[in-house]
């Protein structure tokens, strides 16, 4: 699957980010993260906003400050019309009396927000907005229409404006163990072999299958 021409777009087709992302300030891990682009332009054209490094900005000017980066893990699902807002404070200083970005003070007006990180296995719902400098944890879910202003913990579902935690997908002990297990750090062969266990909710079976696989590959003592 790859980016489709406008006349060929359909909700069942997606844009694989590793095939289309060109901005050097967007870092995509792996080959499985996608954007559901049926109703918009490409991921870079429609989702990522105000990030230096697109074709126009590279030709038009040199940045005068460090550029906050966007990091996207593997197996990330991004719903249609989501927005990932970059660009720090957009040169609007809320601690100044005037919010206007006057050219003569532009360097002082800009404040970076830090890198934006979307952890592996996360799901960003349709029309959700992620504000600058946010970290979305592994396996987290951002509900449709949510506006995320704070970091989201791994395997947590958030919704609303501003987005607030609704619940954890699994008990806290299971979440901690899942993160420690590092399923998205596995080599592809192991990940593919254990898909039946990943597509279930039996954590003990997953742990046992992981250990058995590692033993079969000589990674653990028998």
N, C-alpha and C. Protein backbone atom coordinates (compact mmCIF):
# COMPACT_ATOMS: atom_id res chain seq x y z
N UNK A 1 0.84 -1.20 0.00
CA UNK A 1 0.00 0.00 0.00
C UNK A 1 0.88 1.25 0.00
N UNK A 2 0.47 2.27 -0.72
CA UNK A 2 1.22 3.51 -0.76
C UNK A 2 0.26 4.66 -0.98
N UNK A 3 0.81 5.88 -1.03
CA UNK A 3 -0.01 7.06 -1.22
C UNK A 3 -0.76 6.95 -2.54
N UNK A 4 -2.07 7.15 -2.50
CA UNK A 4 -2.90 7.00 -3.68
C UNK A 4 -3.15 8.35 -4.34
N UNK A 5 -3.39 8.34 -5.65
CA UNK A 5 -3.87 9.53 -6.33
C UNK A 5 -5.25 9.87 -5.80
N UNK A 6 -5.60 11.16 -5.90
CA UNK A 6 -6.85 11.63 -5.30
C UNK A 6 -8.05 10.83 -5.81
N UNK A 7 -8.06 10.51 -7.10
CA UNK A 7 -9.21 9.80 -7.65
C UNK A 7 -9.27 8.35 -7.20
N UNK A 8 -8.17 7.83 -6.67
CA UNK A 8 -8.12 6.44 -6.23
C UNK A 8 -8.28 6.29 -4.72
N UNK A 9 -8.43 7.40 -4.00
CA UNK A 9 -8.48 7.32 -2.55
C UNK A 9 -9.76 6.63 -2.06
N UNK A 10 -9.59 5.90 -0.99
CA UNK A 10 -10.71 5.19 -0.38
C UNK A 10 -10.37 4.96 1.08
N UNK A 11 -11.39 4.89 1.92
CA UNK A 11 -11.13 4.74 3.35
C UNK A 11 -10.41 3.45 3.70
N UNK A 12 -10.43 2.46 2.81
CA UNK A 12 -9.76 1.19 3.09
C UNK A 12 -8.28 1.22 2.71
N UNK A 13 -7.84 2.35 2.11
CA UNK A 13 -6.43 2.48 1.72
C UNK A 13 -5.76 3.48 2.65
N UNK A 14 -4.50 3.25 2.95
CA UNK A 14 -3.77 4.13 3.86
C UNK A 14 -2.44 4.55 3.25
N UNK A 15 -1.86 5.57 3.85
CA UNK A 15 -0.54 6.07 3.47
C UNK A 15 0.48 5.55 4.48
N UNK A 16 1.39 4.73 4.01
CA UNK A 16 2.47 4.24 4.88
C UNK A 16 3.53 5.33 5.00
N UNK A 17 3.78 5.76 6.23
CA UNK A 17 4.61 6.95 6.44
C UNK A 17 6.05 6.77 5.97
N UNK A 18 6.60 5.57 6.11
CA UNK A 18 7.99 5.38 5.71
C UNK A 18 8.17 5.53 4.20
N UNK A 19 7.08 5.43 3.45
CA UNK A 19 7.14 5.56 2.00
C UNK A 19 7.04 7.01 1.53
N UNK A 20 6.43 7.87 2.35
CA UNK A 20 6.09 9.21 1.86
C UNK A 20 6.76 10.37 2.59
N UNK A 21 7.16 10.19 3.84
CA UNK A 21 7.71 11.30 4.61
C UNK A 21 9.08 11.70 4.08
N UNK A 22 9.23 13.00 3.81
CA UNK A 22 10.48 13.53 3.29
C UNK A 22 11.12 14.57 4.21
N UNK A 23 10.33 15.18 5.07
CA UNK A 23 10.85 16.22 5.96
C UNK A 23 11.93 15.63 6.87
N UNK A 24 13.13 16.21 6.88
CA UNK A 24 14.22 15.66 7.70
C UNK A 24 13.99 15.80 9.20
N UNK A 25 12.98 16.57 9.60
CA UNK A 25 12.68 16.74 11.01
C UNK A 25 11.58 15.80 11.50
N UNK A 26 11.13 14.90 10.61
CA UNK A 26 10.17 13.85 10.99
C UNK A 26 10.90 12.52 10.92
N UNK A 27 10.88 11.79 12.01
CA UNK A 27 11.62 10.54 12.12
C UNK A 27 10.62 9.40 12.34
N UNK A 28 10.52 8.51 11.36
CA UNK A 28 9.56 7.41 11.41
C UNK A 28 10.32 6.11 11.62
N UNK A 29 9.95 5.39 12.66
CA UNK A 29 10.60 4.12 12.96
C UNK A 29 9.82 2.98 12.32
N UNK A 30 10.51 2.07 11.67
CA UNK A 30 9.87 0.90 11.11
C UNK A 30 9.10 1.18 9.84
N UNK A 31 8.37 0.17 9.36
CA UNK A 31 7.69 0.24 8.07
C UNK A 31 6.18 0.05 8.18
N UNK A 32 5.61 0.24 9.35
CA UNK A 32 4.21 -0.13 9.53
C UNK A 32 3.28 1.01 9.96
N UNK A 33 3.82 2.15 10.35
CA UNK A 33 2.96 3.25 10.78
C UNK A 33 2.26 3.87 9.58
N UNK A 34 0.99 4.26 9.78
CA UNK A 34 0.22 4.77 8.64
C UNK A 34 -0.68 5.93 9.04
N UNK A 35 -1.07 6.67 7.99
CA UNK A 35 -2.08 7.73 8.11
C UNK A 35 -3.25 7.37 7.20
N UNK A 36 -4.47 7.50 7.72
CA UNK A 36 -5.67 7.24 6.94
C UNK A 36 -6.01 8.51 6.16
N UNK A 37 -5.51 8.59 4.93
CA UNK A 37 -5.50 9.86 4.19
C UNK A 37 -6.62 9.99 3.17
N UNK A 38 -7.65 9.19 3.27
CA UNK A 38 -8.67 9.16 2.22
C UNK A 38 -9.34 10.51 2.00
N UNK A 39 -9.49 11.33 3.07
CA UNK A 39 -10.26 12.57 2.96
C UNK A 39 -9.39 13.82 2.98
N UNK A 40 -8.08 13.66 2.94
CA UNK A 40 -7.18 14.82 2.99
C UNK A 40 -6.03 14.60 2.03
N UNK A 41 -5.09 15.55 2.09
CA UNK A 41 -3.84 15.36 1.39
C UNK A 41 -2.95 14.40 2.16
N UNK A 42 -1.68 14.44 1.86
CA UNK A 42 -0.73 13.52 2.49
C UNK A 42 -0.52 13.86 3.96
N UNK A 43 0.16 12.97 4.66
CA UNK A 43 0.49 13.16 6.07
C UNK A 43 1.22 14.47 6.28
N UNK A 44 2.25 14.73 5.48
CA UNK A 44 3.03 15.96 5.65
C UNK A 44 2.22 17.19 5.27
N UNK A 45 1.38 17.10 4.27
CA UNK A 45 0.60 18.25 3.83
C UNK A 45 -0.55 18.58 4.76
N UNK A 46 -1.13 17.58 5.41
CA UNK A 46 -2.37 17.79 6.13
C UNK A 46 -2.27 17.63 7.64
N UNK A 47 -1.41 16.75 8.11
CA UNK A 47 -1.39 16.42 9.54
C UNK A 47 -0.35 17.23 10.30
N UNK A 48 0.87 17.25 9.80
CA UNK A 48 1.97 17.93 10.51
C UNK A 48 1.94 19.41 10.15
N UNK A 49 1.71 20.26 11.13
CA UNK A 49 1.55 21.69 10.90
C UNK A 49 2.72 22.48 11.48
N UNK A 50 3.20 23.45 10.73
CA UNK A 50 4.19 24.42 11.19
C UNK A 50 5.52 23.79 11.58
N UNK A 51 5.97 22.83 10.78
CA UNK A 51 7.27 22.21 11.03
C UNK A 51 8.21 22.59 9.91
N UNK A 52 9.28 23.31 10.24
CA UNK A 52 10.30 23.66 9.25
C UNK A 52 10.87 22.37 8.64
N UNK A 53 11.19 22.45 7.35
CA UNK A 53 11.80 21.31 6.69
C UNK A 53 11.03 20.81 5.49
N UNK A 54 9.85 21.42 5.22
CA UNK A 54 9.14 21.05 4.00
C UNK A 54 9.82 21.74 2.81
N UNK A 55 9.36 21.39 1.63
CA UNK A 55 10.04 21.87 0.41
C UNK A 55 10.08 23.39 0.34
N UNK A 56 8.99 24.05 0.72
CA UNK A 56 8.94 25.51 0.64
C UNK A 56 9.87 26.16 1.65
N UNK A 57 9.78 25.74 2.91
CA UNK A 57 10.59 26.41 3.95
C UNK A 57 12.08 26.18 3.74
N UNK A 58 12.46 25.03 3.22
CA UNK A 58 13.88 24.78 2.97
C UNK A 58 14.44 25.75 1.94
N UNK A 59 13.61 26.13 0.98
CA UNK A 59 14.05 27.07 -0.06
C UNK A 59 13.91 28.52 0.37
N UNK A 60 12.97 28.82 1.27
CA UNK A 60 12.61 30.20 1.56
C UNK A 60 13.46 30.85 2.64
N UNK A 61 13.89 30.11 3.66
CA UNK A 61 14.64 30.75 4.76
C UNK A 61 15.41 29.73 5.56
N UNK A 62 16.35 30.25 6.33
CA UNK A 62 17.11 29.43 7.28
C UNK A 62 16.51 29.63 8.66
N UNK A 63 16.31 28.56 9.41
CA UNK A 63 15.75 28.71 10.76
C UNK A 63 16.72 29.45 11.67
N UNK A 64 16.15 30.26 12.56
CA UNK A 64 16.97 31.05 13.49
C UNK A 64 17.00 30.45 14.88
N UNK A 65 16.41 29.27 15.04
CA UNK A 65 16.37 28.61 16.34
C UNK A 65 16.36 27.10 16.13
N UNK A 66 16.67 26.32 17.15
CA UNK A 66 16.62 24.86 17.02
C UNK A 66 15.21 24.40 16.68
N UNK A 67 15.11 23.40 15.81
CA UNK A 67 13.82 22.91 15.35
C UNK A 67 13.37 21.72 16.20
N UNK A 68 12.21 21.85 16.82
CA UNK A 68 11.65 20.72 17.55
C UNK A 68 11.36 19.59 16.57
N UNK A 69 11.70 18.37 16.95
CA UNK A 69 11.59 17.21 16.07
C UNK A 69 10.30 16.42 16.35
N UNK A 70 9.87 15.68 15.33
CA UNK A 70 8.73 14.78 15.47
C UNK A 70 9.21 13.34 15.31
N UNK A 71 8.98 12.52 16.34
CA UNK A 71 9.38 11.12 16.33
C UNK A 71 8.11 10.25 16.37
N UNK A 72 8.01 9.32 15.43
CA UNK A 72 6.87 8.43 15.34
C UNK A 72 7.36 6.99 15.39
N UNK A 73 6.84 6.22 16.32
CA UNK A 73 7.25 4.83 16.47
C UNK A 73 6.67 3.95 15.39
N UNK A 74 6.84 2.65 15.56
CA UNK A 74 6.33 1.67 14.60
C UNK A 74 4.90 1.26 14.99
N UNK A 75 4.15 0.78 14.02
CA UNK A 75 2.78 0.30 14.21
C UNK A 75 1.87 1.38 14.80
N UNK A 76 2.12 2.65 14.43
CA UNK A 76 1.26 3.76 14.86
C UNK A 76 0.13 3.94 13.84
N UNK A 77 -1.09 4.10 14.33
CA UNK A 77 -2.27 4.30 13.47
C UNK A 77 -2.77 5.73 13.67
N UNK A 78 -2.80 6.52 12.60
CA UNK A 78 -3.21 7.92 12.69
C UNK A 78 -4.47 8.11 11.85
N UNK A 79 -5.56 8.49 12.51
CA UNK A 79 -6.85 8.63 11.85
C UNK A 79 -6.95 9.86 10.97
N UNK A 80 -7.94 9.86 10.10
CA UNK A 80 -8.13 10.94 9.14
C UNK A 80 -8.31 12.29 9.82
N UNK A 81 -7.69 13.31 9.24
CA UNK A 81 -7.82 14.71 9.65
C UNK A 81 -7.25 15.01 11.03
N UNK A 82 -6.43 14.12 11.56
CA UNK A 82 -5.72 14.44 12.80
C UNK A 82 -4.73 15.55 12.53
N UNK A 83 -4.34 16.27 13.58
CA UNK A 83 -3.36 17.36 13.47
C UNK A 83 -2.28 17.17 14.52
N UNK A 84 -1.03 17.22 14.08
CA UNK A 84 0.11 17.23 15.00
C UNK A 84 0.72 18.61 14.88
N UNK A 85 0.51 19.42 15.90
CA UNK A 85 0.92 20.83 15.86
C UNK A 85 2.37 20.97 16.33
N UNK A 86 3.19 21.55 15.48
CA UNK A 86 4.60 21.79 15.81
C UNK A 86 4.83 23.30 15.86
N UNK A 87 6.09 23.71 15.91
CA UNK A 87 6.39 25.14 15.82
C UNK A 87 6.42 25.87 17.14
N UNK A 88 6.59 25.13 18.26
CA UNK A 88 6.74 25.80 19.54
C UNK A 88 5.55 26.68 19.89
N UNK A 89 5.84 27.91 20.31
CA UNK A 89 4.76 28.83 20.70
C UNK A 89 4.31 29.71 19.54
N UNK A 90 4.81 29.42 18.33
CA UNK A 90 4.42 30.18 17.13
C UNK A 90 4.71 31.67 17.26
N UNK A 91 5.74 31.98 18.06
CA UNK A 91 6.21 33.36 18.31
C UNK A 91 5.16 34.24 19.00
N UNK A 92 4.21 33.63 19.69
CA UNK A 92 3.22 34.37 20.47
C UNK A 92 3.55 34.21 21.95
N UNK A 93 4.09 35.24 22.58
CA UNK A 93 4.50 35.18 23.98
C UNK A 93 3.33 35.59 24.88
N UNK A 94 2.81 34.63 25.59
CA UNK A 94 1.68 34.93 26.47
C UNK A 94 2.11 35.70 27.72
N UNK A 95 3.42 35.71 28.00
CA UNK A 95 3.91 36.47 29.15
C UNK A 95 4.25 37.91 28.78
N UNK A 96 4.10 38.29 27.52
CA UNK A 96 4.28 39.68 27.10
C UNK A 96 2.91 40.35 26.98
N UNK A 97 2.88 41.66 27.10
CA UNK A 97 1.61 42.38 26.97
C UNK A 97 1.04 42.24 25.57
N UNK A 98 1.92 42.23 24.56
CA UNK A 98 1.47 42.07 23.19
C UNK A 98 1.82 40.67 22.70
N UNK A 99 0.85 39.99 22.13
CA UNK A 99 1.07 38.66 21.56
C UNK A 99 1.61 38.73 20.14
N UNK A 100 1.63 39.90 19.54
CA UNK A 100 1.94 40.02 18.12
C UNK A 100 3.41 39.67 17.84
N UNK A 101 3.69 38.89 16.78
CA UNK A 101 5.08 38.49 16.48
C UNK A 101 5.83 39.55 15.67
N UNK A 102 6.21 40.65 16.29
CA UNK A 102 6.94 41.72 15.60
C UNK A 102 8.28 41.21 15.11
N UNK A 103 8.62 41.56 13.87
CA UNK A 103 9.83 41.04 13.24
C UNK A 103 11.10 41.40 14.01
N UNK A 104 11.12 42.59 14.60
CA UNK A 104 12.36 43.04 15.26
C UNK A 104 12.64 42.32 16.58
N UNK A 105 11.65 41.57 17.10
CA UNK A 105 11.89 40.82 18.34
C UNK A 105 11.58 39.35 18.15
N UNK A 106 11.60 38.88 16.90
CA UNK A 106 11.14 37.53 16.61
C UNK A 106 11.96 36.46 17.31
N UNK A 107 13.27 36.69 17.46
CA UNK A 107 14.10 35.70 18.12
C UNK A 107 13.72 35.54 19.59
N UNK A 108 13.40 36.64 20.24
CA UNK A 108 12.97 36.56 21.64
C UNK A 108 11.54 36.07 21.76
N UNK A 109 10.75 36.27 20.71
CA UNK A 109 9.34 35.89 20.76
C UNK A 109 9.15 34.38 20.66
N UNK A 110 10.08 33.71 19.97
CA UNK A 110 9.92 32.26 19.79
C UNK A 110 10.37 31.48 21.02
N UNK A 111 9.56 30.52 21.44
CA UNK A 111 9.92 29.58 22.49
C UNK A 111 9.60 28.17 22.01
N UNK A 112 10.61 27.33 21.95
CA UNK A 112 10.38 25.94 21.56
C UNK A 112 9.61 25.19 22.63
N UNK A 113 8.94 24.13 22.23
CA UNK A 113 8.18 23.31 23.16
C UNK A 113 8.79 21.94 23.38
N UNK A 114 9.89 21.65 22.67
CA UNK A 114 10.50 20.33 22.77
C UNK A 114 9.95 19.39 21.72
N UNK A 115 10.58 18.24 21.59
CA UNK A 115 10.20 17.27 20.58
C UNK A 115 8.82 16.67 20.88
N UNK A 116 8.13 16.29 19.83
CA UNK A 116 6.87 15.56 19.94
C UNK A 116 7.16 14.09 19.65
N UNK A 117 6.69 13.22 20.52
CA UNK A 117 6.99 11.79 20.41
C UNK A 117 5.69 11.00 20.44
N UNK A 118 5.48 10.17 19.44
CA UNK A 118 4.33 9.27 19.41
C UNK A 118 4.87 7.85 19.49
N UNK A 119 4.62 7.19 20.61
CA UNK A 119 5.19 5.88 20.87
C UNK A 119 4.61 4.80 19.98
N UNK A 120 5.36 3.74 19.81
CA UNK A 120 4.93 2.61 18.98
C UNK A 120 3.60 2.05 19.47
N UNK A 121 2.80 1.61 18.51
CA UNK A 121 1.52 0.98 18.85
C UNK A 121 0.42 1.93 19.26
N UNK A 122 0.67 3.25 19.19
CA UNK A 122 -0.36 4.21 19.57
C UNK A 122 -1.41 4.35 18.47
N UNK A 123 -2.59 4.81 18.85
CA UNK A 123 -3.69 5.04 17.91
C UNK A 123 -4.20 6.45 18.13
N UNK A 124 -4.09 7.28 17.09
CA UNK A 124 -4.55 8.66 17.14
C UNK A 124 -5.86 8.73 16.36
N UNK A 125 -6.96 9.09 17.02
CA UNK A 125 -8.27 9.07 16.40
C UNK A 125 -8.50 10.20 15.42
N UNK A 126 -9.57 10.09 14.65
CA UNK A 126 -9.93 11.11 13.66
C UNK A 126 -10.10 12.48 14.30
N UNK A 127 -9.53 13.48 13.65
CA UNK A 127 -9.64 14.89 14.04
C UNK A 127 -9.09 15.19 15.43
N UNK A 128 -8.29 14.31 15.97
CA UNK A 128 -7.59 14.63 17.22
C UNK A 128 -6.49 15.64 16.93
N UNK A 129 -6.14 16.43 17.93
CA UNK A 129 -5.06 17.40 17.79
C UNK A 129 -4.05 17.19 18.91
N UNK A 130 -2.79 17.08 18.55
CA UNK A 130 -1.71 16.93 19.51
C UNK A 130 -0.92 18.22 19.54
N UNK A 131 -0.88 18.88 20.67
CA UNK A 131 -0.19 20.16 20.80
C UNK A 131 1.33 19.96 20.83
N UNK A 132 2.11 21.02 20.62
CA UNK A 132 3.57 20.88 20.53
C UNK A 132 4.20 20.33 21.81
N UNK A 133 5.24 19.52 21.62
CA UNK A 133 6.05 19.04 22.74
C UNK A 133 5.43 17.93 23.56
N UNK A 134 4.45 17.23 23.01
CA UNK A 134 3.72 16.18 23.73
C UNK A 134 4.36 14.82 23.46
N UNK A 135 4.34 13.96 24.47
CA UNK A 135 4.73 12.56 24.31
C UNK A 135 3.50 11.68 24.48
N UNK A 136 3.22 10.89 23.46
CA UNK A 136 2.15 9.90 23.51
C UNK A 136 2.80 8.55 23.77
N UNK A 137 2.45 7.89 24.85
CA UNK A 137 3.12 6.66 25.25
C UNK A 137 2.79 5.48 24.36
N UNK A 138 3.61 4.46 24.48
CA UNK A 138 3.40 3.20 23.75
C UNK A 138 1.98 2.69 23.98
N UNK A 139 1.32 2.30 22.88
CA UNK A 139 0.02 1.67 23.00
C UNK A 139 -1.10 2.56 23.48
N UNK A 140 -0.88 3.87 23.55
CA UNK A 140 -1.91 4.79 24.02
C UNK A 140 -2.96 5.02 22.93
N UNK A 141 -4.14 5.46 23.34
CA UNK A 141 -5.24 5.77 22.42
C UNK A 141 -5.67 7.21 22.67
N UNK A 142 -5.69 8.02 21.60
CA UNK A 142 -6.21 9.38 21.66
C UNK A 142 -7.54 9.37 20.93
N UNK A 143 -8.62 9.62 21.63
CA UNK A 143 -9.95 9.52 21.06
C UNK A 143 -10.18 10.57 19.97
N UNK A 144 -11.12 10.29 19.09
CA UNK A 144 -11.47 11.22 18.03
C UNK A 144 -11.85 12.58 18.61
N UNK A 145 -11.32 13.64 18.02
CA UNK A 145 -11.65 14.99 18.43
C UNK A 145 -10.96 15.48 19.68
N UNK A 146 -10.14 14.65 20.31
CA UNK A 146 -9.45 15.06 21.53
C UNK A 146 -8.39 16.10 21.22
N UNK A 147 -8.15 17.00 22.16
CA UNK A 147 -7.06 17.97 22.04
C UNK A 147 -6.09 17.69 23.17
N UNK A 148 -4.92 17.18 22.80
CA UNK A 148 -3.96 16.68 23.78
C UNK A 148 -3.00 17.79 24.18
N UNK A 149 -3.06 18.21 25.43
CA UNK A 149 -2.20 19.28 25.93
C UNK A 149 -1.18 18.79 26.95
N UNK A 150 -1.29 17.51 27.35
CA UNK A 150 -0.37 16.94 28.31
C UNK A 150 0.05 15.56 27.83
N UNK A 151 1.21 15.09 28.31
CA UNK A 151 1.69 13.77 27.93
C UNK A 151 0.66 12.69 28.27
N UNK A 152 0.66 11.65 27.45
CA UNK A 152 -0.26 10.53 27.65
C UNK A 152 0.55 9.29 28.04
N UNK A 153 0.21 8.67 29.14
CA UNK A 153 0.95 7.52 29.63
C UNK A 153 0.73 6.30 28.72
N UNK A 154 1.66 5.36 28.72
CA UNK A 154 1.51 4.16 27.89
C UNK A 154 0.20 3.42 28.18
N UNK A 155 -0.41 2.89 27.13
CA UNK A 155 -1.61 2.05 27.22
C UNK A 155 -2.75 2.73 27.96
N UNK A 156 -2.83 4.07 27.79
CA UNK A 156 -3.89 4.86 28.41
C UNK A 156 -4.77 5.47 27.32
N UNK A 157 -6.08 5.50 27.56
CA UNK A 157 -7.03 6.12 26.65
C UNK A 157 -7.38 7.51 27.16
N UNK A 158 -7.23 8.53 26.29
CA UNK A 158 -7.59 9.89 26.66
C UNK A 158 -8.64 10.42 25.68
N UNK A 159 -9.47 11.33 26.17
CA UNK A 159 -10.53 11.92 25.35
C UNK A 159 -10.86 13.30 25.88
N UNK A 160 -11.49 14.12 25.02
CA UNK A 160 -12.01 15.41 25.44
C UNK A 160 -11.11 16.57 25.11
N UNK A 161 -11.55 17.77 25.53
CA UNK A 161 -10.82 19.02 25.32
C UNK A 161 -10.85 19.82 26.62
N UNK A 162 -9.68 19.91 27.30
CA UNK A 162 -8.43 19.22 26.97
C UNK A 162 -8.54 17.73 27.28
N UNK A 163 -7.75 16.93 26.57
CA UNK A 163 -7.81 15.48 26.74
C UNK A 163 -7.46 15.08 28.17
N UNK A 164 -8.24 14.17 28.70
CA UNK A 164 -8.02 13.65 30.05
C UNK A 164 -8.10 12.13 30.01
N UNK A 165 -7.39 11.46 30.91
CA UNK A 165 -7.44 10.00 30.92
C UNK A 165 -8.85 9.47 31.19
N UNK A 166 -9.25 8.49 30.39
CA UNK A 166 -10.53 7.81 30.58
C UNK A 166 -10.29 6.52 31.37
N UNK A 167 -9.31 5.75 30.93
CA UNK A 167 -8.94 4.52 31.64
C UNK A 167 -7.64 3.99 31.04
N UNK A 168 -7.01 3.09 31.78
CA UNK A 168 -5.91 2.32 31.23
C UNK A 168 -6.48 1.13 30.48
N UNK A 169 -5.80 0.74 29.41
CA UNK A 169 -6.27 -0.40 28.64
C UNK A 169 -6.12 -1.70 29.41
N UNK A 170 -5.16 -1.76 30.31
CA UNK A 170 -4.90 -2.96 31.10
C UNK A 170 -4.55 -2.53 32.52
N UNK A 171 -4.57 -3.43 33.49
CA UNK A 171 -4.15 -3.09 34.85
C UNK A 171 -2.73 -2.54 34.88
N UNK A 172 -2.44 -1.72 35.87
CA UNK A 172 -1.14 -1.04 35.94
C UNK A 172 0.03 -2.01 35.90
N UNK A 173 -0.10 -3.13 36.62
CA UNK A 173 0.99 -4.10 36.64
C UNK A 173 1.23 -4.69 35.25
N UNK A 174 0.15 -4.94 34.52
CA UNK A 174 0.28 -5.46 33.17
C UNK A 174 0.92 -4.43 32.25
N UNK A 175 0.51 -3.16 32.39
CA UNK A 175 1.09 -2.09 31.57
C UNK A 175 2.59 -2.00 31.81
N UNK A 176 2.99 -2.00 33.07
CA UNK A 176 4.42 -1.92 33.39
C UNK A 176 5.17 -3.10 32.79
N UNK A 177 4.59 -4.27 32.88
CA UNK A 177 5.24 -5.47 32.35
C UNK A 177 5.29 -5.45 30.83
N UNK A 178 4.23 -4.94 30.19
CA UNK A 178 4.22 -4.82 28.74
C UNK A 178 5.32 -3.89 28.25
N UNK A 179 5.45 -2.74 28.90
CA UNK A 179 6.50 -1.79 28.52
C UNK A 179 7.87 -2.43 28.71
N UNK A 180 8.05 -3.14 29.82
CA UNK A 180 9.33 -3.80 30.08
C UNK A 180 9.61 -4.91 29.07
N UNK A 181 8.56 -5.56 28.58
CA UNK A 181 8.73 -6.64 27.62
C UNK A 181 9.28 -6.13 26.29
N UNK A 182 8.99 -4.87 25.98
CA UNK A 182 9.57 -4.24 24.79
C UNK A 182 9.15 -4.88 23.48
N UNK A 183 7.85 -5.13 23.33
CA UNK A 183 7.41 -5.86 22.14
C UNK A 183 7.74 -5.13 20.85
N UNK A 184 7.77 -3.81 20.89
CA UNK A 184 8.05 -3.05 19.66
C UNK A 184 9.54 -2.88 19.40
N UNK A 185 10.34 -3.47 20.28
CA UNK A 185 11.78 -3.51 20.05
C UNK A 185 12.20 -4.87 19.50
N UNK A 186 11.29 -5.80 19.44
CA UNK A 186 11.63 -7.14 18.95
C UNK A 186 12.04 -7.09 17.48
N UNK A 187 12.88 -8.03 17.10
CA UNK A 187 13.18 -8.19 15.68
C UNK A 187 11.91 -8.63 14.96
N UNK A 188 11.85 -8.35 13.67
CA UNK A 188 10.63 -8.63 12.90
C UNK A 188 10.23 -10.10 12.96
N UNK A 189 11.21 -11.00 12.90
CA UNK A 189 10.89 -12.42 12.90
C UNK A 189 10.16 -12.83 14.17
N UNK A 190 10.62 -12.32 15.31
CA UNK A 190 9.96 -12.64 16.56
C UNK A 190 8.57 -12.01 16.63
N UNK A 191 8.48 -10.75 16.22
CA UNK A 191 7.19 -10.05 16.26
C UNK A 191 6.16 -10.80 15.41
N UNK A 192 6.57 -11.20 14.21
CA UNK A 192 5.64 -11.90 13.32
C UNK A 192 5.26 -13.27 13.88
N UNK A 193 6.25 -13.97 14.47
CA UNK A 193 5.98 -15.30 15.01
C UNK A 193 5.00 -15.26 16.18
N UNK A 194 5.04 -14.17 16.94
CA UNK A 194 4.20 -14.07 18.14
C UNK A 194 2.94 -13.23 17.94
N UNK A 195 2.61 -12.92 16.69
CA UNK A 195 1.40 -12.13 16.43
C UNK A 195 0.14 -12.73 17.05
N UNK A 196 -0.04 -14.06 17.01
CA UNK A 196 -1.26 -14.60 17.64
C UNK A 196 -1.37 -14.25 19.12
N UNK A 197 -0.24 -14.12 19.80
CA UNK A 197 -0.25 -13.77 21.23
C UNK A 197 -0.40 -12.27 21.42
N UNK A 198 0.14 -11.49 20.46
CA UNK A 198 -0.02 -10.04 20.53
C UNK A 198 -1.47 -9.64 20.26
N UNK A 199 -2.15 -10.43 19.44
CA UNK A 199 -3.55 -10.16 19.11
C UNK A 199 -4.46 -10.92 20.07
N UNK A 200 -4.18 -10.79 21.35
CA UNK A 200 -5.00 -11.40 22.39
C UNK A 200 -4.82 -10.57 23.66
N UNK A 201 -5.46 -11.00 24.73
CA UNK A 201 -5.32 -10.28 26.00
C UNK A 201 -4.77 -11.18 27.10
N UNK A 202 -4.14 -12.29 26.71
CA UNK A 202 -3.57 -13.23 27.67
C UNK A 202 -2.09 -12.90 27.84
N UNK A 203 -1.79 -12.08 28.86
CA UNK A 203 -0.41 -11.61 29.04
C UNK A 203 0.52 -12.75 29.45
N UNK A 204 0.06 -13.65 30.29
CA UNK A 204 0.91 -14.77 30.71
C UNK A 204 1.31 -15.62 29.52
N UNK A 205 0.37 -15.83 28.60
CA UNK A 205 0.68 -16.62 27.41
C UNK A 205 1.69 -15.90 26.54
N UNK A 206 1.57 -14.59 26.46
CA UNK A 206 2.52 -13.80 25.68
C UNK A 206 3.93 -13.89 26.27
N UNK A 207 4.03 -13.77 27.59
CA UNK A 207 5.34 -13.85 28.24
C UNK A 207 5.95 -15.23 28.02
N UNK A 208 5.15 -16.27 28.18
CA UNK A 208 5.64 -17.64 28.00
C UNK A 208 6.09 -17.86 26.56
N UNK A 209 5.32 -17.37 25.61
CA UNK A 209 5.68 -17.54 24.20
C UNK A 209 6.95 -16.78 23.86
N UNK A 210 7.13 -15.60 24.47
CA UNK A 210 8.34 -14.82 24.24
C UNK A 210 9.57 -15.56 24.76
N UNK A 211 9.45 -16.10 25.97
CA UNK A 211 10.57 -16.85 26.54
C UNK A 211 10.88 -18.10 25.72
N UNK A 212 9.85 -18.80 25.29
CA UNK A 212 10.04 -20.01 24.48
C UNK A 212 10.73 -19.67 23.16
N UNK A 213 10.31 -18.56 22.55
CA UNK A 213 10.93 -18.14 21.29
C UNK A 213 12.41 -17.81 21.51
N UNK A 214 12.69 -17.06 22.56
CA UNK A 214 14.08 -16.68 22.85
C UNK A 214 14.94 -17.91 23.09
N UNK A 215 14.40 -18.90 23.81
CA UNK A 215 15.13 -20.14 24.04
C UNK A 215 15.40 -20.86 22.73
N UNK A 216 14.42 -20.88 21.84
CA UNK A 216 14.60 -21.58 20.57
C UNK A 216 15.65 -20.94 19.69
N UNK A 217 15.86 -19.63 19.93
CA UNK A 217 16.87 -18.91 19.15
C UNK A 217 18.21 -18.81 19.88
N UNK A 218 18.31 -19.51 21.01
CA UNK A 218 19.55 -19.50 21.77
C UNK A 218 19.81 -18.21 22.52
N UNK A 219 18.73 -17.44 22.76
CA UNK A 219 18.89 -16.17 23.45
C UNK A 219 18.74 -16.30 24.95
N UNK A 220 18.19 -17.44 25.42
CA UNK A 220 18.05 -17.70 26.85
C UNK A 220 18.54 -19.12 27.13
N UNK A 221 19.02 -19.36 28.34
CA UNK A 221 19.43 -20.72 28.69
C UNK A 221 18.24 -21.66 28.71
N UNK A 222 18.45 -22.88 28.28
CA UNK A 222 17.36 -23.87 28.25
C UNK A 222 17.16 -24.47 29.66
